[in-house]
Each structure stands twice: as C-alpha cells, then as structure tokens.
C-alpha cells in the first residue's frame, strides 16, 4: 500500500471520528425536549440507573448543570485611566 493511500485512509478515519455531535442540548430547561432531541440519552440513563442506581432525574440535573459550564470564562480586565490594562481581577 502506498504511503499516500495510507495517509488518505488515516485522514478519512480521523475526519469520520471528528464528525460526532458533542454540543449541549438546545433546550436545557425542558427534560422532555432533551429526550426528544437525543433519544439515546434516555436509553443510556435507564441503563445507568439499573447498573449504578442513580435515578434518571438526578442524571438530567447533572446534564443541566454541566451543559451550562463555560470552560474559558475569565473575569473582566481592569484598566487604569480607562486605557492602561492592569490585569484581571482575582476571583480567588
């Protein structure tokens, strides 16, 4: 198998794996709309409830909280005299 063909197959494999939908559900306030949008979630939650004993409403609450998380959120930059940046305010 030629080198170019192997690299093409590898690229197509990576592209196929990266096309998954990992975004948060559209309407986090309505559990029924989450289940309607992603029916596999309910099946997986029922399976997890049987295996681990965690009720479906608790799992939905975790999805609600974790989907609102903003990983790159930062405090606003403080300025002196309105133009000189002095860094970010500490949130500690």
PDB file of N, CA and C in Angstrom:
ATOM      1  N   UNK A   1       0.854  -1.166   0.000  1.00  0.00           N
ATOM      2  CA  UNK A   1       0.000   0.000   0.000  1.00  0.00           C
ATOM      3  C   UNK A   1       0.905   1.236   0.000  1.00  0.00           C
ATOM      4  N   UNK A   2       0.613   2.160  -0.864  1.00  0.00           N
ATOM      5  CA  UNK A   2       1.474   3.333  -0.983  1.00  0.00           C
ATOM      6  C   UNK A   2       1.323   4.251   0.229  1.00  0.00           C
ATOM      7  N   UNK A   3       2.308   5.072   0.393  1.00  0.00           N
ATOM      8  CA  UNK A   3       2.333   5.992   1.533  1.00  0.00           C
ATOM      9  C   UNK A   3       1.185   6.999   1.455  1.00  0.00           C
ATOM     10  N   UNK A   4       0.898   7.483   0.274  1.00  0.00           N
ATOM     11  CA  UNK A   4      -0.178   8.459   0.093  1.00  0.00           C
ATOM     12  C   UNK A   4      -1.545   7.843   0.375  1.00  0.00           C
ATOM     13  N   UNK A   5      -1.729   6.614  -0.044  1.00  0.00           N
ATOM     14  CA  UNK A   5      -3.002   5.940   0.203  1.00  0.00           C
ATOM     15  C   UNK A   5      -3.214   5.711   1.698  1.00  0.00           C
ATOM     16  N   UNK A   6      -2.142   5.313   2.395  1.00  0.00           N
ATOM     17  CA  UNK A   6      -2.251   5.125   3.847  1.00  0.00           C
ATOM     18  C   UNK A   6      -2.571   6.430   4.556  1.00  0.00           C
ATOM     19  N   UNK A   7      -1.932   7.519   4.140  1.00  0.00           N
ATOM     20  CA  UNK A   7      -2.207   8.805   4.780  1.00  0.00           C
ATOM     21  C   UNK A   7      -3.627   9.278   4.468  1.00  0.00           C
ATOM     22  N   UNK A   8      -4.130   8.995   3.262  1.00  0.00           N
ATOM     23  CA  UNK A   8      -5.501   9.352   2.914  1.00  0.00           C
ATOM     24  C   UNK A   8      -6.503   8.565   3.756  1.00  0.00           C
ATOM     25  N   UNK A   9      -6.263   7.276   3.923  1.00  0.00           N
ATOM     26  CA  UNK A   9      -7.147   6.446   4.752  1.00  0.00           C
ATOM     27  C   UNK A   9      -7.126   6.932   6.197  1.00  0.00           C
ATOM     28  N   UNK A  10      -5.946   7.263   6.709  1.00  0.00           N
ATOM     29  CA  UNK A  10      -5.834   7.774   8.072  1.00  0.00           C
ATOM     30  C   UNK A  10      -6.592   9.090   8.219  1.00  0.00           C
ATOM     31  N   UNK A  11      -6.448   9.993   7.241  1.00  0.00           N
ATOM     32  CA  UNK A  11      -7.148  11.274   7.286  1.00  0.00           C
ATOM     33  C   UNK A  11      -8.661  11.076   7.265  1.00  0.00           C
ATOM     34  N   UNK A  12      -9.151  10.188   6.428  1.00  0.00           N
ATOM     35  CA  UNK A  12     -10.590   9.928   6.363  1.00  0.00           C
ATOM     36  C   UNK A  12     -11.107   9.314   7.663  1.00  0.00           C
ATOM     37  N   UNK A  13     -10.315   8.460   8.281  1.00  0.00           N
ATOM     38  CA  UNK A  13     -10.700   7.874   9.559  1.00  0.00           C
ATOM     39  C   UNK A  13     -10.793   8.940  10.642  1.00  0.00           C
ATOM     40  N   UNK A  14      -9.818   9.829  10.700  1.00  0.00           N
ATOM     41  CA  UNK A  14      -9.837  10.914  11.686  1.00  0.00           C
ATOM     42  C   UNK A  14     -11.008  11.850  11.418  1.00  0.00           C
ATOM     43  N   UNK A  15     -11.274  12.159  10.163  1.00  0.00           N
ATOM     44  CA  UNK A  15     -12.392  13.039   9.818  1.00  0.00           C
ATOM     45  C   UNK A  15     -13.728  12.406  10.192  1.00  0.00           C
ATOM     46  N   UNK A  16     -13.858  11.109  10.016  1.00  0.00           N
ATOM     47  CA  UNK A  16     -15.104  10.427  10.375  1.00  0.00           C
ATOM     48  C   UNK A  16     -15.304  10.420  11.884  1.00  0.00           C
ATOM     49  N   UNK A  17     -14.239  10.272  12.633  1.00  0.00           N
ATOM     50  CA  UNK A  17     -14.351  10.260  14.098  1.00  0.00           C
ATOM     51  C   UNK A  17     -14.645  11.645  14.654  1.00  0.00           C
ATOM     52  N   UNK A  18     -14.199  12.676  13.972  1.00  0.00           N
ATOM     53  CA  UNK A  18     -14.377  14.027  14.496  1.00  0.00           C
ATOM     54  C   UNK A  18     -15.729  14.628  14.139  1.00  0.00           C
ATOM     55  N   UNK A  19     -16.545  13.933  13.400  1.00  0.00           N
ATOM     56  CA  UNK A  19     -17.829  14.489  12.991  1.00  0.00           C
ATOM     57  C   UNK A  19     -18.938  14.233  14.002  1.00  0.00           C
ATOM     58  N   UNK A  20     -18.603  13.761  15.185  1.00  0.00           N
ATOM     59  CA  UNK A  20     -19.612  13.490  16.209  1.00  0.00           C
ATOM     60  C   UNK A  20     -20.183  14.788  16.762  1.00  0.00           C
ATOM     61  N   UNK A  21     -21.408  14.715  17.255  1.00  0.00           N
ATOM     62  CA  UNK A  21     -22.088  15.878  17.803  1.00  0.00           C
ATOM     63  C   UNK A  21     -21.946  15.865  19.322  1.00  0.00           C
ATOM     64  N   UNK A  22     -21.090  16.727  19.859  1.00  0.00           N
ATOM     65  CA  UNK A  22     -20.881  16.794  21.292  1.00  0.00           C
ATOM     66  C   UNK A  22     -21.350  18.109  21.877  1.00  0.00           C
ATOM     67  N   UNK A  23     -22.212  18.826  21.199  1.00  0.00           N
ATOM     68  CA  UNK A  23     -22.697  20.092  21.730  1.00  0.00           C
ATOM     69  C   UNK A  23     -23.795  19.838  22.758  1.00  0.00           C
ATOM     70  N   UNK A  24     -24.052  20.844  23.565  1.00  0.00           N
ATOM     71  CA  UNK A  24     -25.082  20.733  24.592  1.00  0.00           C
ATOM     72  C   UNK A  24     -26.461  20.689  23.935  1.00  0.00           C
ATOM     73  N   UNK A  25     -27.427  20.045  24.573  1.00  0.00           N
ATOM     74  CA  UNK A  25     -28.791  20.070  24.042  1.00  0.00           C
ATOM     75  C   UNK A  25     -29.305  21.505  23.940  1.00  0.00           C
ATOM     76  N   UNK A  26     -30.190  21.751  22.981  1.00  0.00           N
ATOM     77  CA  UNK A  26     -30.653  23.120  22.727  1.00  0.00           C
ATOM     78  C   UNK A  26     -31.439  23.713  23.885  1.00  0.00           C
ATOM     79  N   UNK A  27     -32.414  22.974  24.410  1.00  0.00           N
ATOM     80  CA  UNK A  27     -33.277  23.499  25.468  1.00  0.00           C
ATOM     81  C   UNK A  27     -32.992  22.729  26.753  1.00  0.00           C
ATOM     82  N   UNK A  28     -32.177  23.292  27.625  1.00  0.00           N
ATOM     83  CA  UNK A  28     -31.793  22.610  28.858  1.00  0.00           C
ATOM     84  C   UNK A  28     -32.878  22.675  29.928  1.00  0.00           C
ATOM     85  N   UNK A  29     -33.838  23.580  29.783  1.00  0.00           N
ATOM     86  CA  UNK A  29     -34.860  23.756  30.809  1.00  0.00           C
ATOM     87  C   UNK A  29     -35.978  22.726  30.730  1.00  0.00           C
ATOM     88  N   UNK A  30     -36.059  21.973  29.652  1.00  0.00           N
ATOM     89  CA  UNK A  30     -37.149  21.029  29.467  1.00  0.00           C
ATOM     90  C   UNK A  30     -36.573  19.631  29.234  1.00  0.00           C
ATOM     91  N   UNK A  31     -36.761  18.751  30.212  1.00  0.00           N
ATOM     92  CA  UNK A  31     -36.215  17.391  30.116  1.00  0.00           C
ATOM     93  C   UNK A  31     -36.845  16.627  28.954  1.00  0.00           C
ATOM     94  N   UNK A  32     -38.113  16.868  28.674  1.00  0.00           N
ATOM     95  CA  UNK A  32     -38.780  16.168  27.573  1.00  0.00           C
ATOM     96  C   UNK A  32     -38.165  16.544  26.225  1.00  0.00           C
ATOM     97  N   UNK A  33     -37.788  17.806  26.062  1.00  0.00           N
ATOM     98  CA  UNK A  33     -37.178  18.209  24.792  1.00  0.00           C
ATOM     99  C   UNK A  33     -35.776  17.619  24.640  1.00  0.00           C
ATOM    100  N   UNK A  34     -35.065  17.433  25.761  1.00  0.00           N
ATOM    101  CA  UNK A  34     -33.746  16.791  25.689  1.00  0.00           C
ATOM    102  C   UNK A  34     -33.904  15.353  25.219  1.00  0.00           C
ATOM    103  N   UNK A  35     -34.878  14.640  25.789  1.00  0.00           N
ATOM    104  CA  UNK A  35     -35.106  13.241  25.409  1.00  0.00           C
ATOM    105  C   UNK A  35     -35.591  13.155  23.966  1.00  0.00           C
ATOM    106  N   UNK A  36     -36.418  14.125  23.541  1.00  0.00           N
ATOM    107  CA  UNK A  36     -36.903  14.129  22.161  1.00  0.00           C
ATOM    108  C   UNK A  36     -35.758  14.411  21.181  1.00  0.00           C
ATOM    109  N   UNK A  37     -34.853  15.315  21.567  1.00  0.00           N
ATOM    110  CA  UNK A  37     -33.726  15.663  20.703  1.00  0.00           C
ATOM    111  C   UNK A  37     -32.680  14.550  20.648  1.00  0.00           C
ATOM    112  N   UNK A  38     -32.453  13.903  21.792  1.00  0.00           N
ATOM    113  CA  UNK A  38     -31.436  12.844  21.887  1.00  0.00           C
ATOM    114  C   UNK A  38     -32.026  11.609  22.562  1.00  0.00           C
ATOM    115  N   UNK A  39     -32.758  10.778  21.832  1.00  0.00           N
ATOM    116  CA  UNK A  39     -33.397   9.606  22.442  1.00  0.00           C
ATOM    117  C   UNK A  39     -32.398   8.600  23.005  1.00  0.00           C
ATOM    118  N   UNK A  40     -31.192   8.591  22.503  1.00  0.00           N
ATOM    119  CA  UNK A  40     -30.182   7.663  23.033  1.00  0.00           C
ATOM    120  C   UNK A  40     -29.803   8.018  24.467  1.00  0.00           C
ATOM    121  N   UNK A  41     -29.983   9.290  24.850  1.00  0.00           N
ATOM    122  CA  UNK A  41     -29.687   9.703  26.224  1.00  0.00           C
ATOM    123  C   UNK A  41     -30.571   8.952  27.209  1.00  0.00           C
ATOM    124  N   UNK A  42     -31.866   8.849  26.917  1.00  0.00           N
ATOM    125  CA  UNK A  42     -32.792   8.192  27.840  1.00  0.00           C
ATOM    126  C   UNK A  42     -32.450   6.714  27.978  1.00  0.00           C
ATOM    127  N   UNK A  43     -32.132   6.081  26.870  1.00  0.00           N
ATOM    128  CA  UNK A  43     -31.756   4.669  26.919  1.00  0.00           C
ATOM    129  C   UNK A  43     -30.502   4.483  27.775  1.00  0.00           C
ATOM    130  N   UNK A  44     -29.521   5.347  27.588  1.00  0.00           N
ATOM    131  CA  UNK A  44     -28.281   5.258  28.370  1.00  0.00           C
ATOM    132  C   UNK A  44     -28.533   5.581  29.839  1.00  0.00           C
ATOM    133  N   UNK A  45     -29.423   6.532  30.107  1.00  0.00           N
ATOM    134  CA  UNK A  45     -29.719   6.882  31.504  1.00  0.00           C
ATOM    135  C   UNK A  45     -30.446   5.750  32.220  1.00  0.00           C
ATOM    136  N   UNK A  46     -31.349   5.081  31.525  1.00  0.00           N
ATOM    137  CA  UNK A  46     -32.038   3.942  32.142  1.00  0.00           C
ATOM    138  C   UNK A  46     -31.064   2.795  32.404  1.00  0.00           C
ATOM    139  N   UNK A  47     -30.139   2.601  31.486  1.00  0.00           N
ATOM    140  CA  UNK A  47     -29.124   1.570  31.680  1.00  0.00           C
ATOM    141  C   UNK A  47     -28.222   1.916  32.872  1.00  0.00           C
ATOM    142  N   UNK A  48     -27.862   3.195  33.006  1.00  0.00           N
ATOM    143  CA  UNK A  48     -27.040   3.628  34.142  1.00  0.00           C
ATOM    144  C   UNK A  48     -27.815   3.521  35.450  1.00  0.00           C
ATOM    145  N   UNK A  49     -29.127   3.763  35.391  1.00  0.00           N
ATOM    146  CA  UNK A  49     -29.946   3.630  36.602  1.00  0.00           C
ATOM    147  C   UNK A  49     -29.976   2.177  37.074  1.00  0.00           C
ATOM    148  N   UNK A  50     -30.100   1.245  36.132  1.00  0.00           N
ATOM    149  CA  UNK A  50     -30.086  -0.170  36.516  1.00  0.00           C
ATOM    150  C   UNK A  50     -28.725  -0.584  37.068  1.00  0.00           C
ATOM    151  N   UNK A  51     -27.662  -0.084  36.450  1.00  0.00           N
ATOM    152  CA  UNK A  51     -26.320  -0.507  36.851  1.00  0.00           C
ATOM    153  C   UNK A  51     -25.851   0.170  38.136  1.00  0.00           C
ATOM    154  N   UNK A  52     -26.046   1.481  38.264  1.00  0.00           N
ATOM    155  CA  UNK A  52     -25.484   2.237  39.371  1.00  0.00           C
ATOM    156  C   UNK A  52     -26.518   2.706  40.387  1.00  0.00           C
ATOM    157  N   UNK A  53     -27.789   2.635  40.065  1.00  0.00           N
ATOM    158  CA  UNK A  53     -28.827   3.057  40.999  1.00  0.00           C
ATOM    159  C   UNK A  53     -29.044   4.559  41.053  1.00  0.00           C
ATOM    160  N   UNK A  54     -28.539   5.296  40.066  1.00  0.00           N
ATOM    161  CA  UNK A  54     -28.724   6.749  40.023  1.00  0.00           C
ATOM    162  C   UNK A  54     -29.996   7.034  39.233  1.00  0.00           C
ATOM    163  N   UNK A  55     -31.007   7.661  39.858  1.00  0.00           N
ATOM    164  CA  UNK A  55     -32.270   7.920  39.157  1.00  0.00           C
ATOM    165  C   UNK A  55     -32.082   8.838  37.942  1.00  0.00           C
ATOM    166  N   UNK A  56     -32.960   8.681  36.974  1.00  0.00           N
ATOM    167  CA  UNK A  56     -32.904   9.477  35.747  1.00  0.00           C
ATOM    168  C   UNK A  56     -33.004  10.975  36.043  1.00  0.00           C
ATOM    169  N   UNK A  57     -33.887  11.441  36.968  1.00  0.00           N
ATOM    170  CA  UNK A  57     -33.933  12.885  37.238  1.00  0.00           C
ATOM    171  C   UNK A  57     -32.605  13.452  37.753  1.00  0.00           C
ATOM    172  N   UNK A  58     -31.871  12.670  38.522  1.00  0.00           N
ATOM    173  CA  UNK A  58     -30.562  13.132  39.007  1.00  0.00           C
ATOM    174  C   UNK A  58     -29.591  13.255  37.834  1.00  0.00           C
ATOM    175  N   UNK A  59     -29.630  12.317  36.924  1.00  0.00           N
ATOM    176  CA  UNK A  59     -28.764  12.381  35.747  1.00  0.00           C
ATOM    177  C   UNK A  59     -29.126  13.579  34.871  1.00  0.00           C
ATOM    178  N   UNK A  60     -30.426  13.864  34.752  1.00  0.00           N
ATOM    179  CA  UNK A  60     -30.856  15.031  33.977  1.00  0.00           C
ATOM    180  C   UNK A  60     -30.383  16.319  34.643  1.00  0.00           C
ATOM    181  N   UNK A  61     -30.399  16.365  35.976  1.00  0.00           N
ATOM    182  CA  UNK A  61     -29.914  17.548  36.689  1.00  0.00           C
ATOM    183  C   UNK A  61     -28.421  17.749  36.451  1.00  0.00           C
ATOM    184  N   UNK A  62     -27.673  16.663  36.393  1.00  0.00           N
ATOM    185  CA  UNK A  62     -26.238  16.759  36.118  1.00  0.00           C
ATOM    186  C   UNK A  62     -26.005  17.270  34.700  1.00  0.00           C
ATOM    187  N   UNK A  63     -26.774  16.774  33.738  1.00  0.00           N
ATOM    188  CA  UNK A  63     -26.658  17.264  32.359  1.00  0.00           C
ATOM    189  C   UNK A  63     -26.970  18.753  32.311  1.00  0.00           C
ATOM    190  N   UNK A  64     -27.993  19.182  33.047  1.00  0.00           N
ATOM    191  CA  UNK A  64     -28.381  20.595  33.074  1.00  0.00           C
ATOM    192  C   UNK A  64     -27.239  21.458  33.599  1.00  0.00           C
ATOM    193  N   UNK A  65     -26.629  21.052  34.716  1.00  0.00           N
ATOM    194  CA  UNK A  65     -25.557  21.846  35.311  1.00  0.00           C
ATOM    195  C   UNK A  65     -24.292  21.826  34.455  1.00  0.00           C
ATOM    196  N   UNK A  66     -23.903  20.666  33.968  1.00  0.00           N
ATOM    197  CA  UNK A  66     -22.656  20.555  33.217  1.00  0.00           C
ATOM    198  C   UNK A  66     -22.750  21.203  31.839  1.00  0.00           C
ATOM    199  N   UNK A  67     -23.932  21.272  31.257  1.00  0.00           N
ATOM    200  CA  UNK A  67     -24.078  21.869  29.936  1.00  0.00           C
ATOM    201  C   UNK A  67     -23.993  23.388  29.992  1.00  0.00           C
ATOM    202  N   UNK A  68     -24.189  23.969  31.172  1.00  0.00           N
ATOM    203  CA  UNK A  68     -24.084  25.419  31.322  1.00  0.00           C
ATOM    204  C   UNK A  68     -22.661  25.864  31.626  1.00  0.00           C
ATOM    205  N   UNK A  69     -21.721  24.925  31.827  1.00  0.00           N
ATOM    206  CA  UNK A  69     -20.352  25.257  32.203  1.00  0.00           C
ATOM    207  C   UNK A  69     -19.636  25.968  31.065  1.00  0.00           C
ATOM    208  N   UNK A  70     -18.941  27.058  31.386  1.00  0.00           N
ATOM    209  CA  UNK A  70     -18.152  27.805  30.409  1.00  0.00           C
ATOM    210  C   UNK A  70     -16.687  27.628  30.795  1.00  0.00           C
ATOM    211  N   UNK A  71     -15.979  26.803  30.042  1.00  0.00           N
ATOM    212  CA  UNK A  71     -14.618  26.438  30.404  1.00  0.00           C
ATOM    213  C   UNK A  71     -13.596  27.549  30.248  1.00  0.00           C
ATOM    214  N   UNK A  72     -13.807  28.458  29.323  1.00  0.00           N
ATOM    215  CA  UNK A  72     -12.828  29.519  29.080  1.00  0.00           C
ATOM    216  C   UNK A  72     -13.303  30.867  29.611  1.00  0.00           C
ATOM    217  N   UNK A  73     -14.159  30.861  30.600  1.00  0.00           N
ATOM    218  CA  UNK A  73     -14.686  32.085  31.176  1.00  0.00           C
ATOM    219  C   UNK A  73     -13.602  32.787  31.981  1.00  0.00           C
ATOM    220  N   UNK A  74     -13.496  34.107  31.855  1.00  0.00           N
ATOM    221  CA  UNK A  74     -12.499  34.886  32.584  1.00  0.00           C
ATOM    222  C   UNK A  74     -13.141  36.120  33.187  1.00  0.00           C
ATOM    223  N   UNK A  75     -12.529  36.599  34.256  1.00  0.00           N
ATOM    224  CA  UNK A  75     -13.006  37.843  34.859  1.00  0.00           C
ATOM    225  C   UNK A  75     -12.616  38.999  33.943  1.00  0.00           C
ATOM    226  N   UNK A  76     -13.321  40.127  34.027  1.00  0.00           N
ATOM    227  CA  UNK A  76     -13.005  41.249  33.141  1.00  0.00           C
ATOM    228  C   UNK A  76     -11.647  41.881  33.477  1.00  0.00           C
ATOM    229  N   UNK A  77     -11.024  42.464  32.467  1.00  0.00           N
ATOM    230  CA  UNK A  77      -9.742  43.148  32.653  1.00  0.00           C
ATOM    231  C   UNK A  77     -10.003  44.505  33.293  1.00  0.00           C
ATOM    232  N   UNK A  78      -9.159  44.862  34.278  1.00  0.00           N
ATOM    233  CA  UNK A  78      -9.257  46.173  34.914  1.00  0.00           C
ATOM    234  C   UNK A  78      -8.338  47.149  34.183  1.00  0.00           C
ATOM    235  N   UNK A  79      -8.768  48.405  34.050  1.00  0.00           N
ATOM    236  CA  UNK A  79      -7.999  49.435  33.364  1.00  0.00           C
ATOM    237  C   UNK A  79      -7.762  50.610  34.297  1.00  0.00           C
ATOM    238  N   UNK A  80      -6.569  51.215  34.208  1.00  0.00           N
ATOM    239  CA  UNK A  80      -6.258  52.464  34.904  1.00  0.00           C
ATOM    240  C   UNK A  80      -6.381  53.592  33.889  1.00  0.00           C
ATOM    241  N   UNK A  81      -6.985  54.656  34.288  1.00  0.00           N
ATOM    242  CA  UNK A  81      -7.226  55.815  33.427  1.00  0.00           C
ATOM    243  C   UNK A  81      -8.040  55.457  32.187  1.00  0.00           C
ATOM    244  N   UNK A  82      -8.699  54.330  32.240  1.00  0.00           N
ATOM    245  CA  UNK A  82      -9.572  53.925  31.156  1.00  0.00           C
ATOM    246  C   UNK A  82      -8.889  53.287  29.963  1.00  0.00           C
ATOM    247  N   UNK A  83      -7.537  53.311  29.891  1.00  0.00           N
ATOM    248  CA  UNK A  83      -6.855  52.762  28.724  1.00  0.00           C
ATOM    249  C   UNK A  83      -5.692  51.831  29.062  1.00  0.00           C
ATOM    250  N   UNK A  84      -5.126  51.902  30.261  1.00  0.00           N
ATOM    251  CA  UNK A  84      -3.960  51.095  30.613  1.00  0.00           C
ATOM    252  C   UNK A  84      -4.435  49.800  31.268  1.00  0.00           C
ATOM    253  N   UNK A  85      -4.222  48.653  30.613  1.00  0.00           N
ATOM    254  CA  UNK A  85      -4.684  47.394  31.210  1.00  0.00           C
ATOM    255  C   UNK A  85      -3.831  47.027  32.427  1.00  0.00           C
ATOM    256  N   UNK A  86      -4.496  46.683  33.527  1.00  0.00           N
ATOM    257  CA  UNK A  86      -3.801  46.338  34.772  1.00  0.00           C
ATOM    258  C   UNK A  86      -3.985  44.870  35.140  1.00  0.00           C
ATOM    259  N   UNK A  87      -4.500  44.063  34.257  1.00  0.00           N
ATOM    260  CA  UNK A  87      -4.681  42.641  34.535  1.00  0.00           C
ATOM    261  C   UNK A  87      -6.112  42.317  34.902  1.00  0.00           C
ATOM    262  N   UNK A  88      -6.312  41.064  35.191  1.00  0.00           N
ATOM    263  CA  UNK A  88      -7.657  40.593  35.519  1.00  0.00           C
ATOM    264  C   UNK A  88      -7.874  40.587  37.022  1.00  0.00           C
ATOM    265  N   UNK A  89      -9.101  40.855  37.410  1.00  0.00           N
ATOM    266  CA  UNK A  89      -9.466  40.820  38.818  1.00  0.00           C
ATOM    267  C   UNK A  89      -9.437  39.371  39.289  1.00  0.00           C
ATOM    268  N   UNK A  90      -8.883  39.143  40.468  1.00  0.00           N
ATOM    269  CA  UNK A  90      -8.796  37.787  41.001  1.00  0.00           C
ATOM    270  C   UNK A  90     -10.168  37.322  41.467  1.00  0.00           C
ATOM    271  N   UNK A  91     -10.487  36.081  41.155  1.00  0.00           N
ATOM    272  CA  UNK A  91     -11.753  35.519  41.619  1.00  0.00           C
ATOM    273  C   UNK A  91     -11.531  34.599  42.810  1.00  0.00           C
ATOM    274  N   UNK A  92     -10.288  34.561  43.310  1.00  0.00           N
ATOM    275  CA  UNK A  92      -9.968  33.682  44.439  1.00  0.00           C
ATOM    276  C   UNK A  92     -10.425  34.286  45.753  1.00  0.00           C
TER     277      UNK A  92
END
